[in-house]
C-alpha atoms as a PDB file:
ATOM      1  CA  MET A   1     -18.273 -11.780  -9.303  1.00  0.00           C
ATOM      2  CA  ARG A   2     -14.926 -12.984  -8.033  1.00  0.00           C
ATOM      3  CA  ARG A   3     -14.589 -16.735  -7.770  1.00  0.00           C
ATOM      4  CA  TRP A   4     -12.793 -18.145  -4.750  1.00  0.00           C
ATOM      5  CA  ASN A   5     -10.412 -21.055  -4.624  1.00  0.00           C
ATOM      6  CA  ARG A   6     -10.617 -23.597  -1.825  1.00  0.00           C
ATOM      7  CA  ASN A   7      -6.910 -24.383  -2.300  1.00  0.00           C
ATOM      8  CA  SER A   8      -5.888 -21.086  -0.780  1.00  0.00           C
ATOM      9  CA  VAL A   9      -4.538 -19.927   2.578  1.00  0.00           C
ATOM     10  CA  LEU A  10      -5.749 -21.200   5.919  1.00  0.00           C
ATOM     11  CA  ILE A  11      -5.452 -18.303   8.313  1.00  0.00           C
ATOM     12  CA  GLY A  12      -6.974 -16.706  11.400  1.00  0.00           C
ATOM     13  CA  SER A  13      -9.739 -14.202  10.694  1.00  0.00           C
ATOM     14  CA  VAL A  14      -9.651 -10.667  11.972  1.00  0.00           C
ATOM     15  CA  LEU A  15     -12.779  -8.641  12.665  1.00  0.00           C
ATOM     16  CA  VAL A  16     -11.781  -4.998  12.637  1.00  0.00           C
ATOM     17  CA  GLY A  17     -13.255  -1.555  12.323  1.00  0.00           C
ATOM     18  CA  ALA A  18     -11.820  -0.700   8.919  1.00  0.00           C
ATOM     19  CA  ILE A  19     -10.528  -2.284   5.735  1.00  0.00           C
ATOM     20  CA  ALA A  20      -7.162  -0.528   6.080  1.00  0.00           C
ATOM     21  CA  LEU A  21      -5.257  -1.896   9.044  1.00  0.00           C
ATOM     22  CA  ALA A  22      -2.253   0.340   8.475  1.00  0.00           C
ATOM     23  CA  GLY A  23      -3.202   3.190  10.787  1.00  0.00           C
ATOM     24  CA  CYS A  24       0.396   3.588  11.916  1.00  0.00           C
ATOM     25  CA  SER A  25       2.468   6.667  12.576  1.00  0.00           C
ATOM     26  CA  SER A  26       6.195   7.302  12.565  1.00  0.00           C
ATOM     27  CA  SER A  27       6.324  11.057  12.495  1.00  0.00           C
ATOM     28  CA  ASP A  28       6.254  13.154  15.633  1.00  0.00           C
ATOM     29  CA  SER A  29       2.623  14.050  14.986  1.00  0.00           C
ATOM     30  CA  THR A  30       0.727  12.187  12.305  1.00  0.00           C
ATOM     31  CA  THR A  31      -2.816  13.157  11.376  1.00  0.00           C
ATOM     32  CA  ALA A  32      -5.404  10.409  11.255  1.00  0.00           C
ATOM     33  CA  THR A  33      -9.111  10.705  10.763  1.00  0.00           C
ATOM     34  CA  HIS A  34     -11.769   8.352  12.060  1.00  0.00           C
ATOM     35  CA  GLU A  35     -12.413   7.503   8.433  1.00  0.00           C
ATOM     36  CA  ASP A  36      -8.831   6.222   8.154  1.00  0.00           C
ATOM     37  CA  THR A  37      -8.902   4.022  11.228  1.00  0.00           C
ATOM     38  CA  GLY A  38     -12.413   3.299  12.313  1.00  0.00           C
ATOM     39  CA  GLY A  39     -14.682   3.706   9.350  1.00  0.00           C
ATOM     40  CA  HIS A  40     -16.205   6.856  10.875  1.00  0.00           C
ATOM     41  CA  THR A  41     -16.026  10.434   9.736  1.00  0.00           C
ATOM     42  CA  GLY A  42     -15.133  13.119  12.225  1.00  0.00           C
ATOM     43  CA  THR A  43     -12.477  15.505  13.397  1.00  0.00           C
ATOM     44  CA  GLU A  44      -8.825  14.909  12.687  1.00  0.00           C
ATOM     45  CA  VAL A  45      -6.839  13.273  15.468  1.00  0.00           C
ATOM     46  CA  HIS A  46      -3.069  13.328  15.768  1.00  0.00           C
ATOM     47  CA  PHE A  47      -1.153  10.324  17.082  1.00  0.00           C
ATOM     48  CA  SER A  48       2.446   9.238  17.011  1.00  0.00           C
ATOM     49  CA  TYR A  49       4.854   6.834  18.695  1.00  0.00           C
ATOM     50  CA  THR A  50       6.564   9.338  20.995  1.00  0.00           C
ATOM     51  CA  GLY A  51       5.684  12.044  23.488  1.00  0.00           C
ATOM     52  CA  GLU A  52       2.220  13.312  24.353  1.00  0.00           C
ATOM     53  CA  THR A  53       0.629  11.724  21.287  1.00  0.00           C
ATOM     54  CA  GLY A  54       2.476   8.412  21.693  1.00  0.00           C
ATOM     55  CA  PRO A  55       1.068   4.970  22.585  1.00  0.00           C
ATOM     56  CA  LEU A  56       0.783   5.665  26.320  1.00  0.00           C
ATOM     57  CA  HIS A  57      -1.641   8.488  25.498  1.00  0.00           C
ATOM     58  CA  TRP A  58      -3.611   7.057  22.562  1.00  0.00           C
ATOM     59  CA  GLY A  59      -6.533   6.158  24.807  1.00  0.00           C
ATOM     60  CA  SER A  60      -7.020   9.774  25.850  1.00  0.00           C
ATOM     61  CA  LEU A  61      -6.641  11.380  22.420  1.00  0.00           C
ATOM     62  CA  ASP A  62     -10.168  10.539  21.293  1.00  0.00           C
ATOM     63  CA  THR A  63     -13.234   9.036  22.913  1.00  0.00           C
ATOM     64  CA  GLU A  64     -13.396   6.351  20.206  1.00  0.00           C
ATOM     65  CA  TRP A  65      -9.819   5.311  21.066  1.00  0.00           C
ATOM     66  CA  GLU A  66     -10.310   4.745  24.800  1.00  0.00           C
ATOM     67  CA  VAL A  67      -9.706   1.009  24.491  1.00  0.00           C
ATOM     68  CA  CYS A  68      -6.118   1.809  23.446  1.00  0.00           C
ATOM     69  CA  GLY A  69      -5.438   2.646  27.099  1.00  0.00           C
ATOM     70  CA  THR A  70      -7.074  -0.353  28.732  1.00  0.00           C
ATOM     71  CA  GLY A  71      -4.366  -2.866  27.922  1.00  0.00           C
ATOM     72  CA  ASP A  72      -1.340  -0.839  28.867  1.00  0.00           C
ATOM     73  CA  ALA A  73      -0.016  -2.729  31.863  1.00  0.00           C
ATOM     74  CA  VAL A  74       3.364  -1.017  31.536  1.00  0.00           C
ATOM     75  CA  ASN A  75       1.812   2.346  32.298  1.00  0.00           C
ATOM     76  CA  VAL A  76      -0.840   0.808  34.627  1.00  0.00           C
ATOM     77  CA  SER A  77      -3.237   3.613  33.832  1.00  0.00           C
ATOM     78  CA  ALA A  78      -6.490   4.148  35.673  1.00  0.00           C
ATOM     79  CA  THR A  79      -8.332   2.533  32.766  1.00  0.00           C
ATOM     80  CA  TYR A  80      -6.212  -0.637  32.693  1.00  0.00           C
ATOM     81  CA  ASP A  81      -8.368  -3.755  32.277  1.00  0.00           C
ATOM     82  CA  GLU A  82      -6.847  -7.135  33.154  1.00  0.00           C
ATOM     83  CA  HIS A  83      -9.267  -8.723  30.692  1.00  0.00           C
ATOM     84  CA  SER A  84      -8.165  -6.602  27.736  1.00  0.00           C
ATOM     85  CA  THR A  85      -6.895  -8.313  24.597  1.00  0.00           C
ATOM     86  CA  GLN A  86      -4.579  -5.712  23.137  1.00  0.00           C
ATOM     87  CA  SER A  87      -1.836  -6.312  20.564  1.00  0.00           C
ATOM     88  CA  PRO A  88       1.029  -6.762  19.943  1.00  0.00           C
ATOM     89  CA  ILE A  89       2.338  -9.288  22.465  1.00  0.00           C
ATOM     90  CA  ASP A  90       5.537 -11.090  23.339  1.00  0.00           C
ATOM     91  CA  ILE A  91       5.116 -14.700  22.227  1.00  0.00           C
ATOM     92  CA  VAL A  92       6.620 -16.925  24.944  1.00  0.00           C
ATOM     93  CA  THR A  93       7.265 -20.216  23.192  1.00  0.00           C
ATOM     94  CA  ALA A  94       7.431 -22.227  26.426  1.00  0.00           C
ATOM     95  CA  GLY A  95       3.768 -21.438  26.978  1.00  0.00           C
ATOM     96  CA  VAL A  96       2.584 -22.125  23.437  1.00  0.00           C
ATOM     97  CA  ALA A  97       0.194 -25.040  22.859  1.00  0.00           C
ATOM     98  CA  LEU A  98      -0.181 -26.971  19.607  1.00  0.00           C
ATOM     99  CA  ARG A  99      -3.410 -26.355  17.741  1.00  0.00           C
ATOM    100  CA  ALA A 100      -5.867 -29.232  17.861  1.00  0.00           C
ATOM    101  CA  ASP A 101      -6.062 -29.397  14.059  1.00  0.00           C
ATOM    102  CA  ASN A 102      -2.334 -30.066  13.558  1.00  0.00           C
ATOM    103  CA  GLY A 103      -1.674 -33.198  11.575  1.00  0.00           C
ATOM    104  CA  THR A 104      -4.931 -33.041   9.622  1.00  0.00           C
ATOM    105  CA  ASN A 105      -5.001 -33.473   5.863  1.00  0.00           C
ATOM    106  CA  ALA A 106      -5.843 -29.812   5.333  1.00  0.00           C
ATOM    107  CA  LYS A 107      -2.809 -27.536   5.258  1.00  0.00           C
ATOM    108  CA  ALA A 108      -2.711 -24.812   7.874  1.00  0.00           C
ATOM    109  CA  ILE A 109      -1.406 -22.227   5.388  1.00  0.00           C
ATOM    110  CA  ASP A 110      -1.515 -22.786   1.638  1.00  0.00           C
ATOM    111  CA  LEU A 111      -0.825 -19.873  -0.683  1.00  0.00           C
ATOM    112  CA  SER A 112      -1.918 -21.438  -3.946  1.00  0.00           C
ATOM    113  CA  GLY A 113      -4.744 -18.916  -4.208  1.00  0.00           C
ATOM    114  CA  TYR A 114      -2.401 -15.918  -4.418  1.00  0.00           C
ATOM    115  CA  THR A 115      -1.947 -14.235  -7.796  1.00  0.00           C
ATOM    116  CA  THR A 116       0.530 -11.804  -9.344  1.00  0.00           C
ATOM    117  CA  PRO A 117      -1.562  -8.681  -9.990  1.00  0.00           C
ATOM    118  CA  THR A 118      -0.106  -5.990 -12.204  1.00  0.00           C
ATOM    119  CA  ASP A 119      -2.093  -3.033 -10.842  1.00  0.00           C
ATOM    120  CA  TRP A 120      -0.715  -2.025  -7.465  1.00  0.00           C
ATOM    121  CA  THR A 121       0.429   1.164  -5.801  1.00  0.00           C
ATOM    122  CA  ILE A 122       3.034   1.805  -3.138  1.00  0.00           C
ATOM    123  CA  ALA A 123       2.547   4.836  -0.918  1.00  0.00           C
ATOM    124  CA  ASN A 124       4.104   6.480   2.121  1.00  0.00           C
ATOM    125  CA  ASN A 125       1.128   7.774   4.099  1.00  0.00           C
ATOM    126  CA  GLY A 126       3.234   9.403   6.806  1.00  0.00           C
ATOM    127  CA  HIS A 127       3.134   6.506   9.227  1.00  0.00           C
ATOM    128  CA  THR A 128       4.022   3.454   7.141  1.00  0.00           C
ATOM    129  CA  VAL A 129       4.706   2.358   3.580  1.00  0.00           C
ATOM    130  CA  GLN A 130       1.759   0.464   2.147  1.00  0.00           C
ATOM    131  CA  VAL A 131       1.275  -1.542  -1.040  1.00  0.00           C
ATOM    132  CA  SER A 132      -2.363  -1.659  -2.140  1.00  0.00           C
ATOM    133  CA  TYR A 133      -4.204  -3.765  -4.710  1.00  0.00           C
ATOM    134  CA  PRO A 134      -7.248  -1.919  -6.105  1.00  0.00           C
ATOM    135  CA  THR A 135      -8.627  -5.070  -7.712  1.00  0.00           C
ATOM    136  CA  GLY A 136      -7.361  -7.602  -5.179  1.00  0.00           C
ATOM    137  CA  GLY A 137      -4.043  -9.396  -4.862  1.00  0.00           C
ATOM    138  CA  GLY A 138      -5.236 -12.978  -4.745  1.00  0.00           C
ATOM    139  CA  GLU A 139      -7.327 -15.129  -2.484  1.00  0.00           C
ATOM    140  CA  MET A 140      -6.918 -17.447   0.467  1.00  0.00           C
ATOM    141  CA  ALA A 141      -9.107 -19.733   2.559  1.00  0.00           C
ATOM    142  CA  PHE A 142      -9.256 -20.284   6.318  1.00  0.00           C
ATOM    143  CA  LYS A 143     -10.663 -23.340   8.010  1.00  0.00           C
ATOM    144  CA  ASN A 144     -10.878 -24.625  11.538  1.00  0.00           C
ATOM    145  CA  ALA A 145     -13.327 -26.712  13.516  1.00  0.00           C
ATOM    146  CA  THR A 146     -14.892 -23.681  15.186  1.00  0.00           C
ATOM    147  CA  LEU A 147     -15.271 -21.132  12.390  1.00  0.00           C
ATOM    148  CA  GLY A 148     -15.547 -23.381   9.334  1.00  0.00           C
ATOM    149  CA  ASP A 149     -14.560 -22.242   5.832  1.00  0.00           C
ATOM    150  CA  LYS A 150     -13.652 -18.597   5.272  1.00  0.00           C
ATOM    151  CA  HIS A 151     -12.406 -17.006   2.067  1.00  0.00           C
ATOM    152  CA  TYR A 152     -10.399 -13.799   1.824  1.00  0.00           C
ATOM    153  CA  GLU A 153      -9.011 -11.370  -0.727  1.00  0.00           C
ATOM    154  CA  LEU A 154      -5.693  -9.583  -0.267  1.00  0.00           C
ATOM    155  CA  LEU A 155      -6.137  -5.814   0.004  1.00  0.00           C
ATOM    156  CA  GLN A 156      -2.782  -4.441   1.083  1.00  0.00           C
ATOM    157  CA  TYR A 157       0.356  -4.995   3.075  1.00  0.00           C
ATOM    158  CA  HIS A 158       2.429  -2.573   5.115  1.00  0.00           C
ATOM    159  CA  PHE A 159       5.542  -2.495   7.289  1.00  0.00           C
ATOM    160  CA  HIS A 160       6.653  -1.710  10.847  1.00  0.00           C
ATOM    161  CA  THR A 161      10.080  -1.154  12.372  1.00  0.00           C
ATOM    162  CA  THR A 162      11.044  -2.458  14.849  1.00  0.00           C
ATOM    163  CA  SER A 163       8.750  -5.522  14.736  1.00  0.00           C
ATOM    164  CA  GLU A 164       5.536  -5.132  16.693  1.00  0.00           C
ATOM    165  CA  HIS A 165       5.493  -8.718  17.962  1.00  0.00           C
ATOM    166  CA  SER A 166       8.449 -10.268  19.738  1.00  0.00           C
ATOM    167  CA  VAL A 167       9.293 -13.918  20.391  1.00  0.00           C
ATOM    168  CA  ASP A 168      10.744 -14.873  23.774  1.00  0.00           C
ATOM    169  CA  GLY A 169      11.585 -11.216  24.287  1.00  0.00           C
ATOM    170  CA  ALA A 170      13.449 -10.864  21.001  1.00  0.00           C
ATOM    171  CA  SER A 171      12.355  -8.165  18.573  1.00  0.00           C
ATOM    172  CA  TYR A 172      13.078  -8.159  14.849  1.00  0.00           C
ATOM    173  CA  ALA A 173      14.242  -5.485  12.449  1.00  0.00           C
ATOM    174  CA  MET A 174      10.879  -5.239  10.667  1.00  0.00           C
ATOM    175  CA  GLU A 175       7.423  -6.774  10.491  1.00  0.00           C
ATOM    176  CA  MET A 176       5.084  -7.000   7.519  1.00  0.00           C
ATOM    177  CA  HIS A 177       1.288  -7.238   7.869  1.00  0.00           C
ATOM    178  CA  LEU A 178      -0.747  -8.668   4.976  1.00  0.00           C
ATOM    179  CA  VAL A 179      -4.379  -7.566   5.274  1.00  0.00           C
ATOM    180  CA  HIS A 180      -7.277  -9.398   3.644  1.00  0.00           C
ATOM    181  CA  LYS A 181     -11.044  -8.973   3.593  1.00  0.00           C
ATOM    182  CA  GLU A 182     -13.494 -11.851   3.773  1.00  0.00           C
ATOM    183  CA  VAL A 183     -15.547 -12.483   0.630  1.00  0.00           C
ATOM    184  CA  GLY A 184     -18.628 -14.701   0.649  1.00  0.00           C
ATOM    185  CA  ALA A 185     -19.433 -17.423  -1.845  1.00  0.00           C
ATOM    186  CA  ASP A 186     -21.692 -14.901  -3.602  1.00  0.00           C
ATOM    187  CA  GLY A 187     -18.730 -12.590  -4.179  1.00  0.00           C
ATOM    188  CA  HIS A 188     -19.894  -9.942  -1.708  1.00  0.00           C
ATOM    189  CA  ASP A 189     -17.882  -8.616   1.231  1.00  0.00           C
ATOM    190  CA  VAL A 190     -18.672 -10.232   4.574  1.00  0.00           C
ATOM    191  CA  LEU A 191     -19.475  -7.675   7.280  1.00  0.00           C
ATOM    192  CA  ASP A 192     -19.636  -7.957  11.054  1.00  0.00           C
ATOM    193  CA  ALA A 193     -22.596  -6.884  13.208  1.00  0.00           C
ATOM    194  CA  GLU A 194     -21.427  -3.258  13.150  1.00  0.00           C
ATOM    195  CA  GLY A 195     -21.075  -3.140   9.373  1.00  0.00           C
ATOM    196  CA  ASN A 196     -17.293  -3.416   9.272  1.00  0.00           C
ATOM    197  CA  ASN A 197     -15.416  -5.679   6.887  1.00  0.00           C
ATOM    198  CA  VAL A 198     -14.263  -8.995   8.300  1.00  0.00           C
ATOM    199  CA  LEU A 199     -10.496  -9.139   7.740  1.00  0.00           C
ATOM    200  CA  ALA A 200      -7.638 -11.597   8.041  1.00  0.00           C
ATOM    201  CA  VAL A 201      -4.036 -10.629   8.814  1.00  0.00           C
ATOM    202  CA  LEU A 202      -0.755 -12.464   8.381  1.00  0.00           C
ATOM    203  CA  GLY A 203       2.380 -11.183  10.145  1.00  0.00           C
ATOM    204  CA  VAL A 204       5.874 -11.808   8.770  1.00  0.00           C
ATOM    205  CA  LEU A 205       9.000 -11.074  10.844  1.00  0.00           C
ATOM    206  CA  PHE A 206      12.177  -9.777   9.141  1.00  0.00           C
ATOM    207  CA  ASP A 207      15.542 -10.521  10.775  1.00  0.00           C
ATOM    208  CA  ASP A 208      18.772  -8.669   9.963  1.00  0.00           C
ATOM    209  CA  GLY A 209      21.041 -11.294  11.495  1.00  0.00           C
ATOM    210  CA  THR A 210      20.513 -10.091  15.053  1.00  0.00           C
ATOM    211  CA  ASN A 211      18.580 -13.215  16.062  1.00  0.00           C
ATOM    212  CA  TYR A 212      19.739 -15.692  13.417  1.00  0.00           C
ATOM    213  CA  SER A 213      23.253 -15.537  11.997  1.00  0.00           C
ATOM    214  CA  ASP A 214      22.206 -17.167   8.727  1.00  0.00           C
ATOM    215  CA  LEU A 215      19.931 -14.211   7.972  1.00  0.00           C
ATOM    216  CA  GLY A 216      20.839 -10.590   7.262  1.00  0.00           C
ATOM    217  CA  ALA A 217      21.269 -10.533   3.490  1.00  0.00           C
ATOM    218  CA  ASP A 218      19.113  -8.309   1.297  1.00  0.00           C
ATOM    219  CA  ASN A 219      15.505  -9.474   1.139  1.00  0.00           C
ATOM    220  CA  PRO A 220      14.826 -10.380  -2.512  1.00  0.00           C
ATOM    221  CA  PHE A 221      11.117  -9.580  -2.303  1.00  0.00           C
ATOM    222  CA  LEU A 222      11.789  -6.084  -0.952  1.00  0.00           C
ATOM    223  CA  ALA A 223      14.530  -5.595  -3.541  1.00  0.00           C
ATOM    224  CA  SER A 224      12.124  -6.516  -6.341  1.00  0.00           C
ATOM    225  CA  MET A 225       9.334  -4.372  -4.917  1.00  0.00           C
ATOM    226  CA  LEU A 226      11.548  -1.316  -4.464  1.00  0.00           C
ATOM    227  CA  SER A 227      13.174  -1.668  -7.878  1.00  0.00           C
ATOM    228  CA  ASN A 228       9.743  -1.076  -9.393  1.00  0.00           C
ATOM    229  CA  THR A 229       9.214   2.293  -7.723  1.00  0.00           C
ATOM    230  CA  GLY A 230      11.704   4.096  -9.920  1.00  0.00           C
ATOM    231  CA  LEU A 231      12.842   6.089  -6.867  1.00  0.00           C
ATOM    232  CA  THR A 232      16.496   6.687  -6.054  1.00  0.00           C
ATOM    233  CA  THR A 233      16.242   7.961  -2.473  1.00  0.00           C
ATOM    234  CA  ASN A 234      15.904   5.741   0.610  1.00  0.00           C
ATOM    235  CA  GLY A 235      16.801   2.640  -1.372  1.00  0.00           C
ATOM    236  CA  GLY A 236      13.597   2.994  -3.398  1.00  0.00           C
ATOM    237  CA  TRP A 237      11.223   3.445  -0.439  1.00  0.00           C
ATOM    238  CA  PRO A 238       8.844   6.337  -1.177  1.00  0.00           C
ATOM    239  CA  GLU A 239       9.068   9.410   1.027  1.00  0.00           C
ATOM    240  CA  GLU A 240       6.140  10.854   2.965  1.00  0.00           C
ATOM    241  CA  THR A 241       3.111  11.680   0.789  1.00  0.00           C
ATOM    242  CA  ASP A 242       4.707   9.903  -2.208  1.00  0.00           C
ATOM    243  CA  THR A 243       2.491   7.487  -4.135  1.00  0.00           C
ATOM    244  CA  VAL A 244       3.865   5.399  -6.977  1.00  0.00           C
ATOM    245  CA  ALA A 245       1.620   3.486  -9.377  1.00  0.00           C
ATOM    246  CA  ALA A 246       3.224   0.327 -10.688  1.00  0.00           C
ATOM    247  CA  ALA A 247       0.671  -0.681 -13.308  1.00  0.00           C
ATOM    248  CA  GLY A 248       1.921  -3.384 -15.638  1.00  0.00           C
ATOM    249  CA  THR A 249       4.477  -4.779 -13.180  1.00  0.00           C
ATOM    250  CA  SER A 250       3.582  -8.053 -11.483  1.00  0.00           C
ATOM    251  CA  MET A 251       4.272  -8.710  -7.801  1.00  0.00           C
ATOM    252  CA  ASP A 252       4.080 -12.251  -6.407  1.00  0.00           C
ATOM    253  CA  VAL A 253       3.146 -11.708  -2.761  1.00  0.00           C
ATOM    254  CA  ALA A 254       3.922 -15.329  -1.878  1.00  0.00           C
ATOM    255  CA  TYR A 255       7.564 -14.468  -2.649  1.00  0.00           C
ATOM    256  CA  ALA A 256       7.583 -12.436   0.582  1.00  0.00           C
ATOM    257  CA  LEU A 257       6.965 -15.479   2.785  1.00  0.00           C
ATOM    258  CA  PRO A 258       9.587 -17.802   4.329  1.00  0.00           C
ATOM    259  CA  THR A 259      10.821 -20.894   2.510  1.00  0.00           C
ATOM    260  CA  THR A 260      14.074 -21.562   4.376  1.00  0.00           C
ATOM    261  CA  ILE A 261      14.224 -22.378   8.090  1.00  0.00           C
ATOM    262  CA  PRO A 262      17.174 -20.914  10.051  1.00  0.00           C
ATOM    263  CA  ALA A 263      19.435 -23.635  11.472  1.00  0.00           C
ATOM    264  CA  THR A 264      18.634 -22.756  15.086  1.00  0.00           C
ATOM    265  CA  LEU A 265      14.891 -23.051  14.537  1.00  0.00           C
ATOM    266  CA  ALA A 266      15.323 -26.305  12.637  1.00  0.00           C
ATOM    267  CA  ALA A 267      17.365 -27.693  15.527  1.00  0.00           C
ATOM    268  CA  ASN A 268      14.515 -26.741  17.855  1.00  0.00           C
ATOM    269  CA  GLY A 269      12.014 -28.805  15.901  1.00  0.00           C
ATOM    270  CA  ILE A 270      10.527 -26.317  13.418  1.00  0.00           C
ATOM    271  CA  THR A 271      10.135 -28.336  10.228  1.00  0.00           C
ATOM    272  CA  ASP A 272       7.575 -26.255   8.338  1.00  0.00           C
ATOM    273  CA  ALA A 273       8.488 -22.784   7.085  1.00  0.00           C
ATOM    274  CA  MET A 274       4.858 -21.688   7.422  1.00  0.00           C
ATOM    275  CA  THR A 275       4.547 -22.584  11.118  1.00  0.00           C
ATOM    276  CA  PHE A 276       2.547 -19.850  12.839  1.00  0.00           C
ATOM    277  CA  TYR A 277       1.607 -18.499  16.264  1.00  0.00           C
ATOM    278  CA  ASN A 278      -2.082 -17.756  16.790  1.00  0.00           C
ATOM    279  CA  TYR A 279      -3.830 -15.674  19.459  1.00  0.00           C
ATOM    280  CA  THR A 280      -6.788 -13.335  19.995  1.00  0.00           C
ATOM    281  CA  GLY A 281      -5.886  -9.654  19.911  1.00  0.00           C
ATOM    282  CA  SER A 282      -6.567  -6.158  18.630  1.00  0.00           C
ATOM    283  CA  LEU A 283      -5.526  -3.566  16.116  1.00  0.00           C
ATOM    284  CA  THR A 284      -2.056  -2.236  16.951  1.00  0.00           C
ATOM    285  CA  THR A 285      -3.002   1.344  16.097  1.00  0.00           C
ATOM    286  CA  PRO A 286      -5.934   3.568  17.090  1.00  0.00           C
ATOM    287  CA  PRO A 287      -8.746   2.736  17.565  1.00  0.00           C
ATOM    288  CA  CYS A 288      -7.107  -0.486  18.915  1.00  0.00           C
ATOM    289  CA  THR A 289     -10.317  -2.413  18.336  1.00  0.00           C
ATOM    290  CA  GLU A 290     -10.407  -5.710  20.279  1.00  0.00           C
ATOM    291  CA  SER A 291     -12.275  -7.593  17.582  1.00  0.00           C
ATOM    292  CA  VAL A 292      -9.287  -9.477  16.178  1.00  0.00           C
ATOM    293  CA  GLN A 293     -10.307 -13.108  16.500  1.00  0.00           C
ATOM    294  CA  ASP A 294      -6.929 -14.428  15.339  1.00  0.00           C
ATOM    295  CA  TRP A 295      -3.526 -12.864  14.976  1.00  0.00           C
ATOM    296  CA  LEU A 296      -1.318 -15.148  12.859  1.00  0.00           C
ATOM    297  CA  VAL A 297       2.421 -14.476  13.220  1.00  0.00           C
ATOM    298  CA  LEU A 298       4.829 -16.699  11.289  1.00  0.00           C
ATOM    299  CA  ALA A 299       7.390 -18.417  13.505  1.00  0.00           C
ATOM    300  CA  VAL A 300      10.034 -18.478  10.763  1.00  0.00           C
ATOM    301  CA  PRO A 301      11.461 -15.042   9.901  1.00  0.00           C
ATOM    302  CA  VAL A 302      12.685 -13.908   6.519  1.00  0.00           C
ATOM    303  CA  THR A 303      15.932 -12.092   5.859  1.00  0.00           C
ATOM    304  CA  VAL A 304      16.437  -8.345   5.620  1.00  0.00           C
ATOM    305  CA  SER A 305      19.653  -6.357   5.452  1.00  0.00           C
ATOM    306  CA  HIS A 306      20.598  -3.538   7.805  1.00  0.00           C
ATOM    307  CA  THR A 307      20.523  -1.220   4.791  1.00  0.00           C
ATOM    308  CA  GLN A 308      17.003  -2.161   3.733  1.00  0.00           C
ATOM    309  CA  ALA A 309      15.665  -1.736   7.267  1.00  0.00           C
ATOM    310  CA  SER A 310      17.429   1.575   7.841  1.00  0.00           C
ATOM    311  CA  ASP A 311      16.270   2.886   4.455  1.00  0.00           C
ATOM    312  CA  PHE A 312      12.685   2.115   5.446  1.00  0.00           C
ATOM    313  CA  MET A 313      13.073   3.956   8.740  1.00  0.00           C
ATOM    314  CA  ALA A 314      14.580   6.935   6.945  1.00  0.00           C
ATOM    315  CA  ALA A 315      11.647   7.012   4.523  1.00  0.00           C
ATOM    316  CA  ILE A 316       9.090   7.252   7.351  1.00  0.00           C
ATOM    317  CA  GLY A 317      10.944  10.043   9.086  1.00  0.00           C
ATOM    318  CA  GLY A 318      13.675   8.273  11.053  1.00  0.00           C
ATOM    319  CA  HIS A 319      11.304   7.018  13.766  1.00  0.00           C
ATOM    320  CA  HIS A 320      10.129   3.575  14.837  1.00  0.00           C
ATOM    321  CA  ASN A 321       6.487   2.849  14.038  1.00  0.00           C
ATOM    322  CA  ASN A 322       5.828  -0.103  16.332  1.00  0.00           C
ATOM    323  CA  ARG A 323       3.421  -0.160  19.270  1.00  0.00           C
ATOM    324  CA  PRO A 324       4.951  -1.410  22.562  1.00  0.00           C
ATOM    325  CA  ILE A 325       4.245  -4.944  23.769  1.00  0.00           C
ATOM    326  CA  GLN A 326       0.915  -5.397  25.590  1.00  0.00           C
ATOM    327  CA  GLU A 327       0.039  -7.777  28.416  1.00  0.00           C
ATOM    328  CA  LEU A 328      -1.154 -11.280  27.505  1.00  0.00           C
ATOM    329  CA  ASN A 329      -3.749 -11.246  30.308  1.00  0.00           C
ATOM    330  CA  GLY A 330      -4.305 -14.986  30.374  1.00  0.00           C
ATOM    331  CA  ARG A 331      -4.825 -15.442  26.649  1.00  0.00           C
ATOM    332  CA  THR A 332      -3.710 -18.697  25.043  1.00  0.00           C
ATOM    333  CA  VAL A 333      -1.151 -18.654  22.230  1.00  0.00           C
ATOM    334  CA  THR A 334      -1.215 -21.693  19.967  1.00  0.00           C
ATOM    335  CA  MET A 335       1.123 -22.978  17.263  1.00  0.00           C
ATOM    336  CA  GLY A 336      -0.063 -24.352  13.933  1.00  0.00           C
ATOM    337  CA  MET A 337       1.882 -26.079  11.194  1.00  0.00           C
ATOM    338  CA  ASN A 338       1.235 -27.920   7.950  1.00  0.00           C
END
């Protein structure tokens, strides 16, 4: 039984329809099964980010994906629902409210529970590049006045380009999603009412100097990760269908998170590198399940070079794999900090 550490990460919990949140596509027509995205078995469904299988049509590709079309205010489809809580969103900082638990003794995000596992794989599944931890990549804890203590285990992380979330209309070169499952005090997975794992997700924005002039150098975490693949094409990013096992090589996931605050953000009052934006949303890929209690997007981006970002795009077929911005529909976005 895995023991959990209360000195871990405080984060918003995400209730979703599958353990793998990386149901993303960058090719013109990527095959996904219900087992991949919704925990169901069934016929294969193709989706992409362009054309007739792109985001504007996801809701009509499969009956279990209909909710994907309800939040698309840009297209204003017949199924649009002004009460939908689809993701991603544009985070408008002028409308952000401080979380009520700011200034408490408990840190909002504390990564002391993360470990450096040596059994991980990196794979290009045709729609993103994903790093998975078969035996878990460390633990974190989440606490707030409403939901109480929650404990999670890191399962995988994956990447999008361009970023899925934007801040004040500004997109970023890449975005990384770290996906965790909730584990109870007894060591068993915590499931929702429908039998799906309860997950937690942390979003990290990567800037290539477009938004902040003091960023744009190579990202050292990506450089370390890619150096362990042994691949020479695409800067070390695996190509479609490639899977590389990196057993025996440790990866400190906390190394991927921001430690330095860009000068412009510091001048605007951001004093904690782990400051985050929090809102209620959905999966950003089919089936677009609106059971995400908390999206947690870090306000401070990390650096990435043009070369690293372009190599990633080349590896996934030369296409963007980000869902367009969805309407906020009256939801509240809050900011938390340590």
